[in-house]
Amino acid sequence: MKVKIFWLDLIVFAAAIFFIFFSFFSLKSGKSDNSTLIIYSGDSEYVYPLESNGQYKIKGALGESTISVQDGKASFISSPCPNQTCVEMGKISHSGEWAACLPNDIFIMVENKSDSLDALAY
């Protein structure tokens, strides 16, 4: 059985491939100039702009953790936790990414200021 491919089939196929790649790259580019770093430690919340470089020392349950913001990326630099998993997690920079030091009760998350709710549940 021979399959015939028409020129319109090729156009539809090319458009679908273009749409898939465009969607993938637009979703991966969640970083923007409106991004902020939110740090939760116990009942405290700290908010820092992600575009400003700096190091922040945050007091946790076990002691002080150091969080660095460099070139729009945030990461744990040091922490008093025993296994150092939070330090090895790497850098976060896109909206929705997070890292945590569970033993020291510190959670960091990148959030885009332009993110908005699309629904509320009660």
PDB file of N, CA and C in Angstrom:
ATOM      1  N   MET A   1       0.842  -1.174   0.000  1.00  0.00           N
ATOM      2  CA  MET A   1       0.000   0.000   0.000  1.00  0.00           C
ATOM      3  C   MET A   1       0.892   1.244   0.000  1.00  0.00           C
ATOM      4  N   LYS A   2       0.645   2.097  -0.919  1.00  0.00           N
ATOM      5  CA  LYS A   2       1.450   3.308  -1.057  1.00  0.00           C
ATOM      6  C   LYS A   2       0.704   4.491  -0.441  1.00  0.00           C
ATOM      7  N   VAL A   3       1.414   5.280   0.373  1.00  0.00           N
ATOM      8  CA  VAL A   3       0.819   6.437   1.035  1.00  0.00           C
ATOM      9  C   VAL A   3       1.197   7.693   0.260  1.00  0.00           C
ATOM     10  N   LYS A   4       0.185   8.482  -0.048  1.00  0.00           N
ATOM     11  CA  LYS A   4       0.425   9.735  -0.757  1.00  0.00           C
ATOM     12  C   LYS A   4       0.483  10.878   0.252  1.00  0.00           C
ATOM     13  N   ILE A   5       1.496  11.711   0.131  1.00  0.00           N
ATOM     14  CA  ILE A   5       1.622  12.884   0.991  1.00  0.00           C
ATOM     15  C   ILE A   5       1.375  14.118   0.129  1.00  0.00           C
ATOM     16  N   PHE A   6       0.428  14.906   0.545  1.00  0.00           N
ATOM     17  CA  PHE A   6       0.087  16.120  -0.183  1.00  0.00           C
ATOM     18  C   PHE A   6       0.818  17.313   0.421  1.00  0.00           C
ATOM     19  N   TRP A   7       0.972  18.370  -0.354  1.00  0.00           N
ATOM     20  CA  TRP A   7       1.684  19.551   0.124  1.00  0.00           C
ATOM     21  C   TRP A   7       0.986  20.185   1.318  1.00  0.00           C
ATOM     22  N   LEU A   8      -0.334  20.106   1.414  1.00  0.00           N
ATOM     23  CA  LEU A   8      -1.067  20.642   2.560  1.00  0.00           C
ATOM     24  C   LEU A   8      -0.741  19.849   3.830  1.00  0.00           C
ATOM     25  N   ASP A   9      -0.532  18.544   3.708  1.00  0.00           N
ATOM     26  CA  ASP A   9      -0.121  17.723   4.848  1.00  0.00           C
ATOM     27  C   ASP A   9       1.213  18.218   5.410  1.00  0.00           C
ATOM     28  N   LEU A  10       2.132  18.536   4.512  1.00  0.00           N
ATOM     29  CA  LEU A  10       3.437  19.029   4.949  1.00  0.00           C
ATOM     30  C   LEU A  10       3.327  20.377   5.652  1.00  0.00           C
ATOM     31  N   ILE A  11       2.455  21.236   5.178  1.00  0.00           N
ATOM     32  CA  ILE A  11       2.259  22.542   5.816  1.00  0.00           C
ATOM     33  C   ILE A  11       1.674  22.375   7.210  1.00  0.00           C
ATOM     34  N   VAL A  12       0.687  21.526   7.357  1.00  0.00           N
ATOM     35  CA  VAL A  12       0.076  21.270   8.668  1.00  0.00           C
ATOM     36  C   VAL A  12       1.106  20.661   9.617  1.00  0.00           C
ATOM     37  N   PHE A  13       1.881  19.718   9.128  1.00  0.00           N
ATOM     38  CA  PHE A  13       2.913  19.086   9.949  1.00  0.00           C
ATOM     39  C   PHE A  13       3.960  20.119  10.399  1.00  0.00           C
ATOM     40  N   ALA A  14       4.421  20.965   9.485  1.00  0.00           N
ATOM     41  CA  ALA A  14       5.417  21.994   9.821  1.00  0.00           C
ATOM     42  C   ALA A  14       4.849  22.993  10.828  1.00  0.00           C
ATOM     43  N   ALA A  15       3.584  23.365  10.667  1.00  0.00           N
ATOM     44  CA  ALA A  15       2.948  24.296  11.607  1.00  0.00           C
ATOM     45  C   ALA A  15       2.843  23.674  13.002  1.00  0.00           C
ATOM     46  N   ALA A  16       2.526  22.399  13.067  1.00  0.00           N
ATOM     47  CA  ALA A  16       2.429  21.714  14.362  1.00  0.00           C
ATOM     48  C   ALA A  16       3.794  21.656  15.051  1.00  0.00           C
ATOM     49  N   ILE A  17       4.838  21.345  14.313  1.00  0.00           N
ATOM     50  CA  ILE A  17       6.187  21.297  14.885  1.00  0.00           C
ATOM     51  C   ILE A  17       6.595  22.683  15.383  1.00  0.00           C
ATOM     52  N   PHE A  18       6.335  23.725  14.585  1.00  0.00           N
ATOM     53  CA  PHE A  18       6.645  25.098  14.991  1.00  0.00           C
ATOM     54  C   PHE A  18       5.904  25.456  16.266  1.00  0.00           C
ATOM     55  N   PHE A  19       4.626  25.128  16.361  1.00  0.00           N
ATOM     56  CA  PHE A  19       3.831  25.422  17.548  1.00  0.00           C
ATOM     57  C   PHE A  19       4.376  24.716  18.783  1.00  0.00           C
ATOM     58  N   ILE A  20       4.776  23.472  18.647  1.00  0.00           N
ATOM     59  CA  ILE A  20       5.326  22.715  19.780  1.00  0.00           C
ATOM     60  C   ILE A  20       6.616  23.358  20.273  1.00  0.00           C
ATOM     61  N   PHE A  21       7.538  23.693  19.369  1.00  0.00           N
ATOM     62  CA  PHE A  21       8.794  24.323  19.774  1.00  0.00           C
ATOM     63  C   PHE A  21       8.557  25.705  20.372  1.00  0.00           C
ATOM     64  N   PHE A  22       7.673  26.487  19.780  1.00  0.00           N
ATOM     65  CA  PHE A  22       7.369  27.813  20.303  1.00  0.00           C
ATOM     66  C   PHE A  22       6.793  27.722  21.707  1.00  0.00           C
ATOM     67  N   SER A  23       5.871  26.785  21.939  1.00  0.00           N
ATOM     68  CA  SER A  23       5.270  26.606  23.269  1.00  0.00           C
ATOM     69  C   SER A  23       6.306  26.191  24.286  1.00  0.00           C
ATOM     70  N   PHE A  24       7.180  25.254  23.918  1.00  0.00           N
ATOM     71  CA  PHE A  24       8.209  24.782  24.842  1.00  0.00           C
ATOM     72  C   PHE A  24       9.131  25.911  25.267  1.00  0.00           C
ATOM     73  N   PHE A  25       9.635  26.683  24.307  1.00  0.00           N
ATOM     74  CA  PHE A  25      10.583  27.743  24.638  1.00  0.00           C
ATOM     75  C   PHE A  25       9.918  28.916  25.342  1.00  0.00           C
ATOM     76  N   SER A  26       8.665  29.197  25.065  1.00  0.00           N
ATOM     77  CA  SER A  26       7.994  30.278  25.773  1.00  0.00           C
ATOM     78  C   SER A  26       7.708  29.885  27.224  1.00  0.00           C
ATOM     79  N   LEU A  27       7.453  28.613  27.480  1.00  0.00           N
ATOM     80  CA  LEU A  27       7.256  28.161  28.852  1.00  0.00           C
ATOM     81  C   LEU A  27       8.569  28.114  29.623  1.00  0.00           C
ATOM     82  N   LYS A  28       9.659  27.757  28.960  1.00  0.00           N
ATOM     83  CA  LYS A  28      10.956  27.679  29.620  1.00  0.00           C
ATOM     84  C   LYS A  28      11.528  29.054  29.940  1.00  0.00           C
ATOM     85  N   SER A  29      11.065  30.077  29.280  1.00  0.00           N
ATOM     86  CA  SER A  29      11.592  31.413  29.525  1.00  0.00           C
ATOM     87  C   SER A  29      10.752  32.134  30.571  1.00  0.00           C
ATOM     88  N   GLY A  30      10.521  31.484  31.711  1.00  0.00           N
ATOM     89  CA  GLY A  30       9.722  32.069  32.782  1.00  0.00           C
ATOM     90  C   GLY A  30      10.428  33.156  33.552  1.00  0.00           C
ATOM     91  N   LYS A  31      11.719  33.326  33.347  1.00  0.00           N
ATOM     92  CA  LYS A  31      12.470  34.355  34.045  1.00  0.00           C
ATOM     93  C   LYS A  31      12.145  35.714  33.450  1.00  0.00           C
ATOM     94  N   SER A  32      11.983  36.706  34.319  1.00  0.00           N
ATOM     95  CA  SER A  32      11.742  38.056  33.829  1.00  0.00           C
ATOM     96  C   SER A  32      12.332  39.039  34.818  1.00  0.00           C
ATOM     97  N   ASP A  33      12.329  40.312  34.448  1.00  0.00           N
ATOM     98  CA  ASP A  33      12.868  41.343  35.326  1.00  0.00           C
ATOM     99  C   ASP A  33      11.974  41.582  36.532  1.00  0.00           C
ATOM    100  N   ASN A  34      10.776  41.056  36.520  1.00  0.00           N
ATOM    101  CA  ASN A  34       9.852  41.222  37.634  1.00  0.00           C
ATOM    102  C   ASN A  34       9.988  40.113  38.668  1.00  0.00           C
ATOM    103  N   SER A  35      10.960  39.240  38.528  1.00  0.00           N
ATOM    104  CA  SER A  35      11.086  38.108  39.433  1.00  0.00           C
ATOM    105  C   SER A  35      11.630  38.544  40.789  1.00  0.00           C
ATOM    106  N   THR A  36      11.091  37.925  41.824  1.00  0.00           N
ATOM    107  CA  THR A  36      11.554  38.179  43.181  1.00  0.00           C
ATOM    108  C   THR A  36      11.892  36.855  43.844  1.00  0.00           C
ATOM    109  N   LEU A  37      12.776  36.943  44.821  1.00  0.00           N
ATOM    110  CA  LEU A  37      13.128  35.786  45.640  1.00  0.00           C
ATOM    111  C   LEU A  37      12.366  35.920  46.942  1.00  0.00           C
ATOM    112  N   ILE A  38      11.599  34.915  47.271  1.00  0.00           N
ATOM    113  CA  ILE A  38      10.863  34.901  48.530  1.00  0.00           C
ATOM    114  C   ILE A  38      11.495  33.851  49.418  1.00  0.00           C
ATOM    115  N   ILE A  39      11.843  34.243  50.631  1.00  0.00           N
ATOM    116  CA  ILE A  39      12.472  33.342  51.594  1.00  0.00           C
ATOM    117  C   ILE A  39      11.543  33.196  52.788  1.00  0.00           C
ATOM    118  N   TYR A  40      11.199  31.951  53.105  1.00  0.00           N
ATOM    119  CA  TYR A  40      10.379  31.654  54.275  1.00  0.00           C
ATOM    120  C   TYR A  40      11.262  30.974  55.316  1.00  0.00           C
ATOM    121  N   SER A  41      11.242  31.512  56.527  1.00  0.00           N
ATOM    122  CA  SER A  41      11.978  30.914  57.642  1.00  0.00           C
ATOM    123  C   SER A  41      11.072  30.930  58.858  1.00  0.00           C
ATOM    124  N   GLY A  42      10.566  29.774  59.223  1.00  0.00           N
ATOM    125  CA  GLY A  42       9.612  29.728  60.329  1.00  0.00           C
ATOM    126  C   GLY A  42       8.377  30.546  59.971  1.00  0.00           C
ATOM    127  N   ASP A  43       8.072  31.556  60.802  1.00  0.00           N
ATOM    128  CA  ASP A  43       6.928  32.434  60.545  1.00  0.00           C
ATOM    129  C   ASP A  43       7.328  33.698  59.795  1.00  0.00           C
ATOM    130  N   SER A  44       8.604  33.856  59.468  1.00  0.00           N
ATOM    131  CA  SER A  44       9.092  35.068  58.797  1.00  0.00           C
ATOM    132  C   SER A  44       9.120  34.881  57.281  1.00  0.00           C
ATOM    133  N   GLU A  45       8.913  35.987  56.578  1.00  0.00           N
ATOM    134  CA  GLU A  45       8.975  35.991  55.123  1.00  0.00           C
ATOM    135  C   GLU A  45       9.823  37.183  54.681  1.00  0.00           C
ATOM    136  N   TYR A  46      10.781  36.923  53.782  1.00  0.00           N
ATOM    137  CA  TYR A  46      11.657  37.960  53.261  1.00  0.00           C
ATOM    138  C   TYR A  46      11.512  37.978  51.740  1.00  0.00           C
ATOM    139  N   VAL A  47      11.505  39.184  51.164  1.00  0.00           N
ATOM    140  CA  VAL A  47      11.357  39.330  49.716  1.00  0.00           C
ATOM    141  C   VAL A  47      12.509  40.185  49.197  1.00  0.00           C
ATOM    142  N   TYR A  48      13.221  39.661  48.195  1.00  0.00           N
ATOM    143  CA  TYR A  48      14.358  40.356  47.598  1.00  0.00           C
ATOM    144  C   TYR A  48      14.218  40.334  46.081  1.00  0.00           C
ATOM    145  N   PRO A  49      14.623  41.419  45.397  1.00  0.00           N
ATOM    146  CA  PRO A  49      14.593  41.397  43.924  1.00  0.00           C
ATOM    147  C   PRO A  49      15.659  40.449  43.391  1.00  0.00           C
ATOM    148  N   LEU A  50      15.315  39.688  42.397  1.00  0.00           N
ATOM    149  CA  LEU A  50      16.242  38.709  41.833  1.00  0.00           C
ATOM    150  C   LEU A  50      17.283  39.362  40.926  1.00  0.00           C
ATOM    151  N   GLU A  51      17.012  40.573  40.461  1.00  0.00           N
ATOM    152  CA  GLU A  51      17.984  41.231  39.590  1.00  0.00           C
ATOM    153  C   GLU A  51      19.083  41.948  40.362  1.00  0.00           C
ATOM    154  N   SER A  52      18.984  42.016  41.691  1.00  0.00           N
ATOM    155  CA  SER A  52      20.030  42.645  42.511  1.00  0.00           C
ATOM    156  C   SER A  52      20.892  41.578  43.171  1.00  0.00           C
ATOM    157  N   ASN A  53      22.191  41.624  42.915  1.00  0.00           N
ATOM    158  CA  ASN A  53      23.111  40.660  43.513  1.00  0.00           C
ATOM    159  C   ASN A  53      23.259  40.932  45.007  1.00  0.00           C
ATOM    160  N   GLY A  54      23.442  39.848  45.775  1.00  0.00           N
ATOM    161  CA  GLY A  54      23.647  39.993  47.212  1.00  0.00           C
ATOM    162  C   GLY A  54      23.696  38.648  47.903  1.00  0.00           C
ATOM    163  N   GLN A  55      24.123  38.687  49.165  1.00  0.00           N
ATOM    164  CA  GLN A  55      24.105  37.501  50.018  1.00  0.00           C
ATOM    165  C   GLN A  55      23.278  37.826  51.244  1.00  0.00           C
ATOM    166  N   TYR A  56      22.426  36.896  51.627  1.00  0.00           N
ATOM    167  CA  TYR A  56      21.504  37.113  52.732  1.00  0.00           C
ATOM    168  C   TYR A  56      21.687  36.006  53.757  1.00  0.00           C
ATOM    169  N   LYS A  57      21.845  36.392  54.999  1.00  0.00           N
ATOM    170  CA  LYS A  57      21.981  35.434  56.092  1.00  0.00           C
ATOM    171  C   LYS A  57      20.629  35.349  56.791  1.00  0.00           C
ATOM    172  N   ILE A  58      20.076  34.144  56.794  1.00  0.00           N
ATOM    173  CA  ILE A  58      18.735  33.917  57.337  1.00  0.00           C
ATOM    174  C   ILE A  58      18.836  32.950  58.508  1.00  0.00           C
ATOM    175  N   LYS A  59      18.251  33.339  59.635  1.00  0.00           N
ATOM    176  CA  LYS A  59      18.265  32.501  60.831  1.00  0.00           C
ATOM    177  C   LYS A  59      17.179  31.441  60.716  1.00  0.00           C
ATOM    178  N   GLY A  60      17.572  30.200  60.909  1.00  0.00           N
ATOM    179  CA  GLY A  60      16.645  29.074  60.850  1.00  0.00           C
ATOM    180  C   GLY A  60      16.609  28.324  62.166  1.00  0.00           C
ATOM    181  N   ALA A  61      16.023  27.150  62.154  1.00  0.00           N
ATOM    182  CA  ALA A  61      15.864  26.335  63.355  1.00  0.00           C
ATOM    183  C   ALA A  61      17.202  25.832  63.903  1.00  0.00           C
ATOM    184  N   LEU A  62      18.166  25.533  63.025  1.00  0.00           N
ATOM    185  CA  LEU A  62      19.472  25.011  63.446  1.00  0.00           C
ATOM    186  C   LEU A  62      20.551  26.081  63.534  1.00  0.00           C
ATOM    187  N   GLY A  63      20.321  27.205  62.885  1.00  0.00           N
ATOM    188  CA  GLY A  63      21.338  28.250  62.833  1.00  0.00           C
ATOM    189  C   GLY A  63      21.144  29.115  61.604  1.00  0.00           C
ATOM    190  N   GLU A  64      22.231  29.689  61.136  1.00  0.00           N
ATOM    191  CA  GLU A  64      22.166  30.651  60.048  1.00  0.00           C
ATOM    192  C   GLU A  64      22.515  30.021  58.696  1.00  0.00           C
ATOM    193  N   SER A  65      21.640  30.238  57.709  1.00  0.00           N
ATOM    194  CA  SER A  65      21.900  29.806  56.337  1.00  0.00           C
ATOM    195  C   SER A  65      22.235  31.041  55.507  1.00  0.00           C
ATOM    196  N   THR A  66      23.128  30.874  54.545  1.00  0.00           N
ATOM    197  CA  THR A  66      23.480  31.966  53.644  1.00  0.00           C
ATOM    198  C   THR A  66      22.918  31.660  52.272  1.00  0.00           C
ATOM    199  N   ILE A  67      22.167  32.626  51.743  1.00  0.00           N
ATOM    200  CA  ILE A  67      21.550  32.497  50.430  1.00  0.00           C
ATOM    201  C   ILE A  67      22.137  33.579  49.541  1.00  0.00           C
ATOM    202  N   SER A  68      22.563  33.193  48.349  1.00  0.00           N
ATOM    203  CA  SER A  68      23.204  34.117  47.423  1.00  0.00           C
ATOM    204  C   SER A  68      22.313  34.361  46.215  1.00  0.00           C
ATOM    205  N   VAL A  69      22.286  35.622  45.773  1.00  0.00           N
ATOM    206  CA  VAL A  69      21.647  35.984  44.513  1.00  0.00           C
ATOM    207  C   VAL A  69      22.739  36.560  43.630  1.00  0.00           C
ATOM    208  N   GLN A  70      22.975  35.911  42.498  1.00  0.00           N
ATOM    209  CA  GLN A  70      24.030  36.322  41.576  1.00  0.00           C
ATOM    210  C   GLN A  70      23.525  36.168  40.142  1.00  0.00           C
ATOM    211  N   ASP A  71      23.546  37.238  39.392  1.00  0.00           N
ATOM    212  CA  ASP A  71      23.148  37.221  37.983  1.00  0.00           C
ATOM    213  C   ASP A  71      21.740  36.663  37.774  1.00  0.00           C
ATOM    214  N   GLY A  72      20.812  37.017  38.643  1.00  0.00           N
ATOM    215  CA  GLY A  72      19.427  36.585  38.491  1.00  0.00           C
ATOM    216  C   GLY A  72      19.143  35.169  38.939  1.00  0.00           C
ATOM    217  N   LYS A  73      20.092  34.539  39.642  1.00  0.00           N
ATOM    218  CA  LYS A  73      19.922  33.173  40.121  1.00  0.00           C
ATOM    219  C   LYS A  73      20.182  33.127  41.621  1.00  0.00           C
ATOM    220  N   ALA A  74      19.367  32.374  42.333  1.00  0.00           N
ATOM    221  CA  ALA A  74      19.493  32.262  43.787  1.00  0.00           C
ATOM    222  C   ALA A  74      19.871  30.835  44.173  1.00  0.00           C
ATOM    223  N   SER A  75      20.645  30.721  45.249  1.00  0.00           N
ATOM    224  CA  SER A  75      21.028  29.388  45.735  1.00  0.00           C
ATOM    225  C   SER A  75      21.476  29.473  47.178  1.00  0.00           C
ATOM    226  N   PHE A  76      21.430  28.317  47.846  1.00  0.00           N
ATOM    227  CA  PHE A  76      21.998  28.199  49.182  1.00  0.00           C
ATOM    228  C   PHE A  76      23.516  28.119  49.036  1.00  0.00           C
ATOM    229  N   ILE A  77      24.241  28.918  49.810  1.00  0.00           N
ATOM    230  CA  ILE A  77      25.701  28.887  49.813  1.00  0.00           C
ATOM    231  C   ILE A  77      26.201  28.026  50.970  1.00  0.00           C
ATOM    232  N   SER A  78      25.575  28.210  52.129  1.00  0.00           N
ATOM    233  CA  SER A  78      25.951  27.411  53.289  1.00  0.00           C
ATOM    234  C   SER A  78      24.744  27.264  54.203  1.00  0.00           C
ATOM    235  N   SER A  79      24.772  26.214  54.995  1.00  0.00           N
ATOM    236  CA  SER A  79      23.698  25.942  55.931  1.00  0.00           C
ATOM    237  C   SER A  79      24.217  24.998  57.017  1.00  0.00           C
ATOM    238  N   PRO A  80      23.690  25.096  58.239  1.00  0.00           N
ATOM    239  CA  PRO A  80      24.175  24.235  59.319  1.00  0.00           C
ATOM    240  C   PRO A  80      23.583  22.831  59.321  1.00  0.00           C
ATOM    241  N   CYS A  81      22.831  22.474  58.296  1.00  0.00           N
ATOM    242  CA  CYS A  81      22.216  21.153  58.253  1.00  0.00           C
ATOM    243  C   CYS A  81      23.284  20.072  58.044  1.00  0.00           C
ATOM    244  N   PRO A  82      23.028  18.861  58.491  1.00  0.00           N
ATOM    245  CA  PRO A  82      24.059  17.821  58.436  1.00  0.00           C
ATOM    246  C   PRO A  82      24.391  17.295  57.040  1.00  0.00           C
ATOM    247  N   ASN A  83      23.418  17.193  56.135  1.00  0.00           N
ATOM    248  CA  ASN A  83      23.700  16.539  54.855  1.00  0.00           C
ATOM    249  C   ASN A  83      23.950  17.499  53.689  1.00  0.00           C
ATOM    250  N   GLN A  84      23.732  18.796  53.853  1.00  0.00           N
ATOM    251  CA  GLN A  84      24.034  19.820  52.847  1.00  0.00           C
ATOM    252  C   GLN A  84      23.317  19.612  51.511  1.00  0.00           C
ATOM    253  N   THR A  85      22.164  18.976  51.519  1.00  0.00           N
ATOM    254  CA  THR A  85      21.395  18.766  50.294  1.00  0.00           C
ATOM    255  C   THR A  85      20.956  20.091  49.692  1.00  0.00           C
ATOM    256  N   CYS A  86      20.608  21.047  50.537  1.00  0.00           N
ATOM    257  CA  CYS A  86      20.151  22.348  50.036  1.00  0.00           C
ATOM    258  C   CYS A  86      21.253  23.070  49.269  1.00  0.00           C
ATOM    259  N   VAL A  87      22.492  22.951  49.706  1.00  0.00           N
ATOM    260  CA  VAL A  87      23.622  23.595  49.030  1.00  0.00           C
ATOM    261  C   VAL A  87      23.874  22.936  47.679  1.00  0.00           C
ATOM    262  N   GLU A  88      23.665  21.642  47.596  1.00  0.00           N
ATOM    263  CA  GLU A  88      23.901  20.899  46.360  1.00  0.00           C
ATOM    264  C   GLU A  88      22.742  20.972  45.370  1.00  0.00           C
ATOM    265  N   MET A  89      21.615  21.593  45.765  1.00  0.00           N
ATOM    266  CA  MET A  89      20.445  21.663  44.879  1.00  0.00           C
ATOM    267  C   MET A  89      20.696  22.523  43.650  1.00  0.00           C
ATOM    268  N   GLY A  90      21.617  23.449  43.723  1.00  0.00           N
ATOM    269  CA  GLY A  90      21.900  24.305  42.578  1.00  0.00           C
ATOM    270  C   GLY A  90      21.127  25.604  42.629  1.00  0.00           C
ATOM    271  N   LYS A  91      21.121  26.291  41.489  1.00  0.00           N
ATOM    272  CA  LYS A  91      20.550  27.632  41.411  1.00  0.00           C
ATOM    273  C   LYS A  91      19.148  27.605  40.839  1.00  0.00           C
ATOM    274  N   ILE A  92      18.321  28.530  41.330  1.00  0.00           N
ATOM    275  CA  ILE A  92      16.962  28.678  40.825  1.00  0.00           C
ATOM    276  C   ILE A  92      16.824  30.076  40.230  1.00  0.00           C
ATOM    277  N   SER A  93      16.056  30.190  39.145  1.00  0.00           N
ATOM    278  CA  SER A  93      15.916  31.500  38.510  1.00  0.00           C
ATOM    279  C   SER A  93      14.564  31.715  37.826  1.00  0.00           C
ATOM    280  N   HIS A  94      13.789  30.679  37.624  1.00  0.00           N
ATOM    281  CA  HIS A  94      12.521  30.805  36.909  1.00  0.00           C
ATOM    282  C   HIS A  94      11.349  30.789  37.889  1.00  0.00           C
ATOM    283  N   SER A  95      10.299  31.479  37.530  1.00  0.00           N
ATOM    284  CA  SER A  95       9.114  31.550  38.368  1.00  0.00           C
ATOM    285  C   SER A  95       8.591  30.149  38.687  1.00  0.00           C
ATOM    286  N   GLY A  96       8.363  29.891  39.962  1.00  0.00           N
ATOM    287  CA  GLY A  96       7.872  28.590  40.404  1.00  0.00           C
ATOM    288  C   GLY A  96       8.954  27.649  40.891  1.00  0.00           C
ATOM    289  N   GLU A  97      10.216  27.920  40.576  1.00  0.00           N
ATOM    290  CA  GLU A  97      11.303  27.059  41.065  1.00  0.00           C
ATOM    291  C   GLU A  97      11.527  27.332  42.544  1.00  0.00           C
ATOM    292  N   TRP A  98      11.972  26.310  43.273  1.00  0.00           N
ATOM    293  CA  TRP A  98      12.204  26.466  44.702  1.00  0.00           C
ATOM    294  C   TRP A  98      13.336  25.572  45.162  1.00  0.00           C
ATOM    295  N   ALA A  99      13.840  25.878  46.349  1.00  0.00           N
ATOM    296  CA  ALA A  99      14.835  25.052  47.031  1.00  0.00           C
ATOM    297  C   ALA A  99      14.534  25.160  48.522  1.00  0.00           C
ATOM    298  N   ALA A 100      14.944  24.162  49.276  1.00  0.00           N
ATOM    299  CA  ALA A 100      14.621  24.168  50.701  1.00  0.00           C
ATOM    300  C   ALA A 100      15.703  23.498  51.514  1.00  0.00           C
ATOM    301  N   CYS A 101      15.851  23.988  52.729  1.00  0.00           N
ATOM    302  CA  CYS A 101      16.672  23.325  53.742  1.00  0.00           C
ATOM    303  C   CYS A 101      15.703  22.891  54.833  1.00  0.00           C
ATOM    304  N   LEU A 102      15.234  21.674  54.749  1.00  0.00           N
ATOM    305  CA  LEU A 102      14.207  21.201  55.676  1.00  0.00           C
ATOM    306  C   LEU A 102      14.688  21.139  57.123  1.00  0.00           C
ATOM    307  N   PRO A 103      15.905  20.646  57.397  1.00  0.00           N
ATOM    308  CA  PRO A 103      16.335  20.619  58.794  1.00  0.00           C
ATOM    309  C   PRO A 103      16.411  22.014  59.416  1.00  0.00           C
ATOM    310  N   ASN A 104      16.763  23.026  58.631  1.00  0.00           N
ATOM    311  CA  ASN A 104      16.884  24.393  59.145  1.00  0.00           C
ATOM    312  C   ASN A 104      15.602  25.198  58.947  1.00  0.00           C
ATOM    313  N   ASP A 105      14.566  24.590  58.380  1.00  0.00           N
ATOM    314  CA  ASP A 105      13.257  25.211  58.199  1.00  0.00           C
ATOM    315  C   ASP A 105      13.325  26.491  57.368  1.00  0.00           C
ATOM    316  N   ILE A 106      14.062  26.443  56.231  1.00  0.00           N
ATOM    317  CA  ILE A 106      14.155  27.584  55.318  1.00  0.00           C
ATOM    318  C   ILE A 106      13.765  27.116  53.924  1.00  0.00           C
ATOM    319  N   PHE A 107      12.887  27.890  53.294  1.00  0.00           N
ATOM    320  CA  PHE A 107      12.353  27.587  51.970  1.00  0.00           C
ATOM    321  C   PHE A 107      12.526  28.823  51.104  1.00  0.00           C
ATOM    322  N   ILE A 108      13.116  28.670  49.912  1.00  0.00           N
ATOM    323  CA  ILE A 108      13.252  29.802  48.990  1.00  0.00           C
ATOM    324  C   ILE A 108      12.517  29.487  47.697  1.00  0.00           C
ATOM    325  N   MET A 109      11.928  30.538  47.096  1.00  0.00           N
ATOM    326  CA  MET A 109      11.131  30.345  45.896  1.00  0.00           C
ATOM    327  C   MET A 109      11.225  31.590  45.021  1.00  0.00           C
ATOM    328  N   VAL A 110      11.261  31.382  43.718  1.00  0.00           N
ATOM    329  CA  VAL A 110      11.243  32.487  42.761  1.00  0.00           C
ATOM    330  C   VAL A 110       9.800  32.694  42.330  1.00  0.00           C
ATOM    331  N   GLU A 111       9.380  33.956  42.347  1.00  0.00           N
ATOM    332  CA  GLU A 111       8.023  34.289  41.944  1.00  0.00           C
ATOM    333  C   GLU A 111       8.067  35.501  41.025  1.00  0.00           C
ATOM    334  N   ASN A 112       7.246  35.484  40.007  1.00  0.00           N
ATOM    335  CA  ASN A 112       7.152  36.601  39.083  1.00  0.00           C
ATOM    336  C   ASN A 112       6.055  37.528  39.570  1.00  0.00           C
ATOM    337  N   LYS A 113       6.344  38.822  39.695  1.00  0.00           N
ATOM    338  CA  LYS A 113       5.359  39.780  40.189  1.00  0.00           C
ATOM    339  C   LYS A 113       4.125  39.843  39.305  1.00  0.00           C
ATOM    340  N   SER A 114       4.275  39.519  38.039  1.00  0.00           N
ATOM    341  CA  SER A 114       3.135  39.594  37.131  1.00  0.00           C
ATOM    342  C   SER A 114       2.281  38.329  37.170  1.00  0.00           C
ATOM    343  N   ASP A 115       2.714  37.296  37.929  1.00  0.00           N
ATOM    344  CA  ASP A 115       1.876  36.106  38.068  1.00  0.00           C
ATOM    345  C   ASP A 115       0.579  36.508  38.755  1.00  0.00           C
ATOM    346  N   SER A 116      -0.517  36.040  38.244  1.00  0.00           N
ATOM    347  CA  SER A 116      -1.786  36.400  38.850  1.00  0.00           C
ATOM    348  C   SER A 116      -2.649  35.152  38.996  1.00  0.00           C
ATOM    349  N   LEU A 117      -3.587  35.238  39.885  1.00  0.00           N
ATOM    350  CA  LEU A 117      -4.503  34.127  40.106  1.00  0.00           C
ATOM    351  C   LEU A 117      -5.509  34.087  38.978  1.00  0.00           C
ATOM    352  N   ASP A 118      -5.835  32.893  38.537  1.00  0.00           N
ATOM    353  CA  ASP A 118      -6.874  32.773  37.531  1.00  0.00           C
ATOM    354  C   ASP A 118      -8.171  32.253  38.141  1.00  0.00           C
ATOM    355  N   ALA A 119      -8.130  31.840  39.426  1.00  0.00           N
ATOM    356  CA  ALA A 119      -9.333  31.389  40.096  1.00  0.00           C
ATOM    357  C   ALA A 119      -9.072  31.291  41.594  1.00  0.00           C
ATOM    358  N   LEU A 120     -10.096  31.407  42.359  1.00  0.00           N
ATOM    359  CA  LEU A 120     -10.023  31.233  43.803  1.00  0.00           C
ATOM    360  C   LEU A 120     -10.968  30.129  44.212  1.00  0.00           C
ATOM    361  N   ALA A 121     -10.546  29.323  45.173  1.00  0.00           N
ATOM    362  CA  ALA A 121     -11.404  28.249  45.677  1.00  0.00           C
ATOM    363  C   ALA A 121     -11.694  28.518  47.155  1.00  0.00           C
ATOM    364  N   TYR A 122     -12.906  28.315  47.547  1.00  0.00           N
ATOM    365  CA  TYR A 122     -13.290  28.502  48.952  1.00  0.00           C
ATOM    366  C   TYR A 122     -13.674  27.202  49.566  1.00  0.00           C
TER     367      TYR A 122
END
